[in-house]
N, C-alpha and C. Protein backbone atom coordinates (compact mmCIF):
# COMPACT_ATOMS: atom_id res chain seq x y z
N MET A 1 113.79 102.52 109.45
CA MET A 1 114.80 101.92 108.60
C MET A 1 114.57 102.39 107.17
N SER A 2 115.62 102.82 106.49
CA SER A 2 115.47 103.32 105.13
C SER A 2 115.22 102.18 104.14
N ASP A 3 114.68 102.53 102.97
CA ASP A 3 114.44 101.52 101.94
C ASP A 3 115.73 100.83 101.53
N GLU A 4 116.84 101.57 101.53
CA GLU A 4 118.12 101.01 101.13
C GLU A 4 118.52 99.86 102.05
N LEU A 5 118.27 100.00 103.35
CA LEU A 5 118.63 98.96 104.30
C LEU A 5 117.71 97.74 104.20
N LYS A 6 116.51 97.93 103.69
CA LYS A 6 115.55 96.84 103.58
C LYS A 6 115.73 96.00 102.32
N LYS A 7 116.48 96.52 101.36
CA LYS A 7 116.65 95.81 100.09
C LYS A 7 117.33 94.46 100.30
N LYS A 8 116.84 93.47 99.61
CA LYS A 8 117.48 92.17 99.61
C LYS A 8 118.67 92.24 98.66
N ARG A 9 119.75 91.54 99.04
CA ARG A 9 120.98 91.57 98.26
C ARG A 9 121.16 90.27 97.49
N ILE A 10 121.41 90.40 96.18
CA ILE A 10 121.58 89.24 95.31
C ILE A 10 122.90 89.36 94.57
N LEU A 11 123.66 88.27 94.55
CA LEU A 11 124.92 88.20 93.80
C LEU A 11 124.73 87.26 92.63
N PHE A 12 125.01 87.76 91.43
CA PHE A 12 124.97 86.94 90.22
C PHE A 12 126.40 86.68 89.77
N VAL A 13 126.70 85.42 89.45
CA VAL A 13 128.06 85.04 89.09
C VAL A 13 128.05 84.31 87.75
N ASP A 14 128.87 84.78 86.82
CA ASP A 14 129.03 84.10 85.53
C ASP A 14 130.35 84.57 84.93
N ASP A 15 130.96 83.73 84.09
CA ASP A 15 132.21 84.11 83.44
C ASP A 15 131.98 84.75 82.08
N ASP A 16 130.72 84.91 81.70
CA ASP A 16 130.38 85.50 80.41
C ASP A 16 129.85 86.92 80.63
N PRO A 17 130.66 87.94 80.26
CA PRO A 17 130.23 89.32 80.50
C PRO A 17 128.92 89.67 79.80
N SER A 18 128.67 89.09 78.63
CA SER A 18 127.42 89.41 77.92
C SER A 18 126.21 88.82 78.65
N LEU A 19 126.38 87.66 79.27
CA LEU A 19 125.28 87.08 80.04
C LEU A 19 124.99 87.93 81.27
N LEU A 20 126.05 88.37 81.96
CA LEU A 20 125.85 89.25 83.13
C LEU A 20 125.17 90.55 82.72
N ALA A 21 125.59 91.11 81.59
CA ALA A 21 124.96 92.35 81.10
C ALA A 21 123.49 92.10 80.77
N GLY A 22 123.19 90.94 80.20
CA GLY A 22 121.81 90.59 79.90
C GLY A 22 120.96 90.48 81.16
N LEU A 23 121.52 89.83 82.18
CA LEU A 23 120.81 89.72 83.47
C LEU A 23 120.56 91.10 84.06
N GLN A 24 121.59 91.93 84.01
CA GLN A 24 121.47 93.27 84.56
C GLN A 24 120.38 94.05 83.82
N ASN A 25 120.32 93.90 82.52
CA ASN A 25 119.31 94.58 81.71
C ASN A 25 117.91 94.05 82.01
N VAL A 26 117.76 92.74 82.04
CA VAL A 26 116.45 92.12 82.27
C VAL A 26 115.92 92.45 83.67
N LEU A 27 116.81 92.54 84.65
CA LEU A 27 116.39 92.79 86.04
C LEU A 27 116.47 94.27 86.43
N HIS A 28 116.69 95.12 85.46
CA HIS A 28 116.85 96.55 85.73
C HIS A 28 115.67 97.13 86.52
N ARG A 29 114.47 96.72 86.19
CA ARG A 29 113.28 97.26 86.88
C ARG A 29 113.20 96.84 88.35
N ASP A 30 113.97 95.82 88.73
CA ASP A 30 113.94 95.33 90.11
C ASP A 30 114.97 96.03 91.01
N ARG A 31 115.74 96.95 90.46
CA ARG A 31 116.82 97.58 91.22
C ARG A 31 116.32 98.40 92.40
N LYS A 32 115.04 98.80 92.38
CA LYS A 32 114.50 99.57 93.50
C LYS A 32 114.18 98.69 94.70
N ARG A 33 113.99 97.39 94.46
CA ARG A 33 113.68 96.50 95.57
C ARG A 33 114.82 95.54 95.91
N TRP A 34 115.74 95.32 94.98
CA TRP A 34 116.87 94.42 95.21
C TRP A 34 118.18 95.14 94.94
N ASP A 35 119.16 94.89 95.78
CA ASP A 35 120.52 95.38 95.56
C ASP A 35 121.27 94.25 94.86
N MET A 36 121.57 94.43 93.59
CA MET A 36 122.16 93.35 92.78
C MET A 36 123.61 93.65 92.44
N THR A 37 124.44 92.63 92.62
CA THR A 37 125.86 92.70 92.29
C THR A 37 126.14 91.64 91.25
N PHE A 38 126.98 91.98 90.26
CA PHE A 38 127.28 91.07 89.16
C PHE A 38 128.78 90.81 89.15
N ALA A 39 129.17 89.56 89.44
CA ALA A 39 130.59 89.19 89.53
C ALA A 39 131.00 88.39 88.30
N LEU A 40 132.09 88.81 87.67
CA LEU A 40 132.61 88.13 86.49
C LEU A 40 133.54 87.00 86.91
N GLY A 41 132.98 85.81 87.10
CA GLY A 41 133.76 84.63 87.45
C GLY A 41 133.80 84.33 88.94
N GLY A 42 134.25 83.11 89.24
CA GLY A 42 134.28 82.63 90.62
C GLY A 42 135.20 83.41 91.53
N GLU A 43 136.35 83.83 91.01
CA GLU A 43 137.29 84.60 91.85
C GLU A 43 136.67 85.92 92.28
N ALA A 44 136.04 86.61 91.34
CA ALA A 44 135.38 87.89 91.66
C ALA A 44 134.23 87.67 92.64
N ALA A 45 133.53 86.54 92.49
CA ALA A 45 132.44 86.22 93.41
C ALA A 45 132.96 86.05 94.83
N LEU A 46 134.07 85.34 94.98
CA LEU A 46 134.63 85.14 96.32
C LEU A 46 135.08 86.46 96.94
N GLU A 47 135.59 87.38 96.13
CA GLU A 47 135.94 88.70 96.64
C GLU A 47 134.70 89.42 97.15
N GLU A 48 133.62 89.38 96.37
CA GLU A 48 132.36 90.01 96.79
C GLU A 48 131.84 89.38 98.07
N LEU A 49 131.90 88.05 98.14
CA LEU A 49 131.40 87.33 99.31
C LEU A 49 132.23 87.64 100.56
N GLY A 50 133.52 87.94 100.37
CA GLY A 50 134.37 88.31 101.49
C GLY A 50 134.08 89.71 102.00
N ALA A 51 133.55 90.55 101.13
CA ALA A 51 133.31 91.95 101.49
C ALA A 51 131.87 92.25 101.87
N ASN A 52 130.93 91.43 101.42
CA ASN A 52 129.51 91.71 101.61
C ASN A 52 128.73 90.44 101.94
N SER A 53 127.55 90.63 102.52
CA SER A 53 126.66 89.49 102.72
C SER A 53 125.54 89.59 101.69
N PHE A 54 125.01 88.43 101.31
CA PHE A 54 123.96 88.37 100.30
C PHE A 54 122.84 87.47 100.79
N ASP A 55 121.63 87.77 100.32
CA ASP A 55 120.48 86.93 100.64
C ASP A 55 120.39 85.75 99.68
N VAL A 56 120.81 85.98 98.43
CA VAL A 56 120.78 84.94 97.40
C VAL A 56 122.05 85.06 96.55
N VAL A 57 122.62 83.92 96.19
CA VAL A 57 123.71 83.88 95.22
C VAL A 57 123.25 83.00 94.07
N VAL A 58 123.29 83.56 92.85
CA VAL A 58 122.92 82.85 91.62
C VAL A 58 124.21 82.67 90.82
N SER A 59 124.61 81.41 90.61
CA SER A 59 125.88 81.17 89.93
C SER A 59 125.74 80.24 88.74
N ASP A 60 126.53 80.54 87.71
CA ASP A 60 126.69 79.63 86.59
C ASP A 60 127.50 78.44 87.09
N MET A 61 127.35 77.29 86.46
CA MET A 61 128.09 76.10 86.86
C MET A 61 129.50 76.09 86.27
N ARG A 62 129.58 76.16 84.96
CA ARG A 62 130.87 75.98 84.29
C ARG A 62 131.60 77.31 84.14
N MET A 63 132.65 77.48 84.94
CA MET A 63 133.50 78.66 84.86
C MET A 63 134.94 78.20 85.08
N PRO A 64 135.89 78.87 84.44
CA PRO A 64 137.29 78.48 84.65
C PRO A 64 137.77 78.86 86.05
N VAL A 65 138.80 78.24 86.51
CA VAL A 65 139.48 78.46 87.79
C VAL A 65 138.60 78.02 88.96
N ILE A 66 137.55 78.76 89.26
CA ILE A 66 136.64 78.40 90.36
C ILE A 66 135.25 78.25 89.76
N ASP A 67 134.73 77.04 89.73
CA ASP A 67 133.42 76.83 89.10
C ASP A 67 132.28 77.13 90.08
N GLY A 68 131.07 77.09 89.54
CA GLY A 68 129.90 77.42 90.34
C GLY A 68 129.67 76.49 91.52
N ALA A 69 129.99 75.21 91.34
CA ALA A 69 129.83 74.26 92.45
C ALA A 69 130.72 74.67 93.62
N ALA A 70 131.96 75.07 93.34
CA ALA A 70 132.88 75.49 94.40
C ALA A 70 132.39 76.78 95.06
N VAL A 71 131.91 77.73 94.25
CA VAL A 71 131.40 79.00 94.79
C VAL A 71 130.24 78.73 95.75
N LEU A 72 129.27 77.92 95.30
CA LEU A 72 128.09 77.68 96.14
C LEU A 72 128.41 76.82 97.36
N ALA A 73 129.38 75.93 97.25
CA ALA A 73 129.80 75.15 98.43
C ALA A 73 130.42 76.07 99.48
N ILE A 74 131.20 77.05 99.03
CA ILE A 74 131.79 78.03 99.95
C ILE A 74 130.71 78.88 100.58
N VAL A 75 129.73 79.30 99.79
CA VAL A 75 128.61 80.09 100.32
C VAL A 75 127.88 79.27 101.39
N LYS A 76 127.63 78.01 101.11
CA LYS A 76 126.91 77.16 102.07
C LYS A 76 127.68 77.06 103.39
N ARG A 77 128.99 76.95 103.29
CA ARG A 77 129.82 76.82 104.50
C ARG A 77 129.93 78.14 105.26
N ARG A 78 130.17 79.24 104.55
CA ARG A 78 130.39 80.54 105.19
C ARG A 78 129.11 81.24 105.62
N ALA A 79 128.05 81.07 104.84
CA ALA A 79 126.80 81.80 105.07
C ALA A 79 125.62 80.85 104.84
N PRO A 80 125.39 79.93 105.77
CA PRO A 80 124.37 78.90 105.56
C PRO A 80 122.95 79.42 105.35
N HIS A 81 122.67 80.66 105.75
CA HIS A 81 121.32 81.21 105.56
C HIS A 81 121.13 81.82 104.17
N THR A 82 122.22 81.97 103.41
CA THR A 82 122.13 82.51 102.07
C THR A 82 121.55 81.47 101.13
N ARG A 83 120.56 81.87 100.35
CA ARG A 83 119.96 80.97 99.36
C ARG A 83 120.93 80.82 98.20
N ARG A 84 120.97 79.61 97.63
CA ARG A 84 121.91 79.32 96.56
C ARG A 84 121.17 78.78 95.34
N VAL A 85 121.43 79.41 94.17
CA VAL A 85 120.78 79.01 92.92
C VAL A 85 121.86 78.71 91.89
N MET A 86 121.77 77.53 91.29
CA MET A 86 122.68 77.16 90.21
C MET A 86 121.95 77.39 88.89
N LEU A 87 122.59 78.12 88.00
CA LEU A 87 122.05 78.40 86.68
C LEU A 87 123.01 77.76 85.69
N SER A 88 122.54 76.71 85.01
CA SER A 88 123.47 75.98 84.16
C SER A 88 122.80 75.38 82.94
N GLY A 89 123.60 75.20 81.91
CA GLY A 89 123.13 74.55 80.70
C GLY A 89 123.39 73.07 80.71
N SER A 90 123.98 72.58 81.81
CA SER A 90 124.32 71.16 81.88
C SER A 90 123.72 70.51 83.12
N ASP A 91 123.84 69.21 83.20
CA ASP A 91 123.34 68.44 84.32
C ASP A 91 124.15 68.77 85.58
N CYS A 92 123.48 69.12 86.65
CA CYS A 92 124.18 69.53 87.87
C CYS A 92 123.72 68.75 89.09
N GLU A 93 123.31 67.52 88.90
CA GLU A 93 122.83 66.74 90.04
C GLU A 93 123.88 66.57 91.12
N SER A 94 125.15 66.66 90.75
CA SER A 94 126.23 66.48 91.72
C SER A 94 126.26 67.58 92.78
N VAL A 95 125.65 68.73 92.50
CA VAL A 95 125.64 69.84 93.46
C VAL A 95 124.29 70.00 94.14
N ALA A 96 123.41 69.05 93.96
CA ALA A 96 122.04 69.18 94.47
C ALA A 96 121.99 69.52 95.96
N GLY A 97 122.89 69.00 96.76
CA GLY A 97 122.88 69.28 98.19
C GLY A 97 123.35 70.67 98.55
N ASP A 98 124.04 71.33 97.63
CA ASP A 98 124.56 72.66 97.90
C ASP A 98 123.71 73.78 97.34
N VAL A 99 122.60 73.44 96.69
CA VAL A 99 121.76 74.47 96.08
C VAL A 99 120.31 74.37 96.56
N ASP A 100 119.64 75.52 96.55
CA ASP A 100 118.22 75.55 96.87
C ASP A 100 117.39 75.39 95.61
N GLU A 101 117.93 75.87 94.48
CA GLU A 101 117.24 75.79 93.20
C GLU A 101 118.25 75.51 92.10
N LEU A 102 117.82 74.77 91.11
CA LEU A 102 118.61 74.50 89.93
C LEU A 102 117.81 74.97 88.72
N LEU A 103 118.31 76.00 88.04
CA LEU A 103 117.64 76.54 86.86
C LEU A 103 118.47 76.22 85.63
N VAL A 104 117.80 75.78 84.57
CA VAL A 104 118.48 75.39 83.35
C VAL A 104 118.54 76.56 82.38
N LYS A 105 119.74 76.80 81.82
CA LYS A 105 119.91 77.81 80.78
C LYS A 105 119.37 77.26 79.47
N PRO A 106 118.76 78.05 78.64
CA PRO A 106 118.41 79.44 78.92
C PRO A 106 117.20 79.51 79.85
N CYS A 107 117.26 80.42 80.78
CA CYS A 107 116.20 80.59 81.78
C CYS A 107 115.50 81.91 81.49
N SER A 108 114.19 81.89 81.43
CA SER A 108 113.46 83.12 81.13
C SER A 108 113.53 84.09 82.31
N ALA A 109 113.37 85.35 82.01
CA ALA A 109 113.36 86.38 83.06
C ALA A 109 112.21 86.13 84.02
N VAL A 110 111.09 85.67 83.51
CA VAL A 110 109.91 85.39 84.35
C VAL A 110 110.24 84.29 85.37
N THR A 111 110.88 83.22 84.90
CA THR A 111 111.24 82.11 85.79
C THR A 111 112.27 82.55 86.82
N LEU A 112 113.29 83.28 86.39
CA LEU A 112 114.32 83.74 87.31
C LEU A 112 113.74 84.67 88.37
N ARG A 113 112.94 85.64 87.94
CA ARG A 113 112.34 86.59 88.88
C ARG A 113 111.41 85.87 89.87
N ALA A 114 110.60 84.93 89.39
CA ALA A 114 109.69 84.18 90.26
C ALA A 114 110.47 83.35 91.28
N THR A 115 111.57 82.75 90.83
CA THR A 115 112.41 81.96 91.75
C THR A 115 113.01 82.85 92.83
N LEU A 116 113.54 83.99 92.43
CA LEU A 116 114.13 84.92 93.40
C LEU A 116 113.08 85.42 94.38
N GLU A 117 111.92 85.79 93.88
CA GLU A 117 110.85 86.27 94.76
C GLU A 117 110.45 85.20 95.77
N ARG A 118 110.33 83.96 95.32
CA ARG A 118 109.95 82.87 96.22
C ARG A 118 111.04 82.64 97.27
N LEU A 119 112.29 82.59 96.86
CA LEU A 119 113.38 82.35 97.80
C LEU A 119 113.55 83.50 98.80
N LEU A 120 113.38 84.72 98.34
CA LEU A 120 113.54 85.88 99.21
C LEU A 120 112.38 86.05 100.18
N GLY A 121 111.24 85.47 99.84
CA GLY A 121 110.07 85.60 100.71
C GLY A 121 109.90 84.45 101.68
N LYS A 122 110.77 83.46 101.60
CA LYS A 122 110.60 82.24 102.39
C LYS A 122 111.79 82.05 103.33
N PRO A 123 111.57 82.06 104.65
CA PRO A 123 112.68 81.84 105.57
C PRO A 123 113.14 80.39 105.55
N ARG A 124 114.38 80.18 105.92
CA ARG A 124 114.90 78.81 106.07
C ARG A 124 114.18 78.15 107.24
N ASP A 125 114.23 76.84 107.32
CA ASP A 125 113.56 76.10 108.38
C ASP A 125 113.99 76.55 109.77
N ASN A 126 115.25 76.93 109.94
CA ASN A 126 115.74 77.32 111.27
C ASN A 126 115.76 78.82 111.49
N GLU A 127 115.07 79.59 110.63
CA GLU A 127 114.96 81.02 110.79
C GLU A 127 113.58 81.37 111.33
N PRO A 128 113.47 82.49 112.04
CA PRO A 128 112.15 82.91 112.54
C PRO A 128 111.20 83.27 111.43
């Protein structure tokens, strides 16, 4: 199996293009081990989710039209084995059942990378 097929796939969702660019820049060194997609807003995220499968979805909470809670609830329903991370500057206890991790903005690159590594290395309870 080639390295490309072994890469874990991560979808990052935010309505702020500068935040997505910052994530892409901070995680640039991880591109050899992770296949990362950056979706501008909930609608773009749903398009990506319809076309591809992901191991982890990291979403901002507050976005116009389709917010992060809706995106992660759809991920939970369509792809229950996909890990879900909410990245938000506000209180998100209402989505606690739909997420595996809740990270507060601003989140350091060290914290984000450690969270992703832990989630990608740990199978779900019903996985082998």
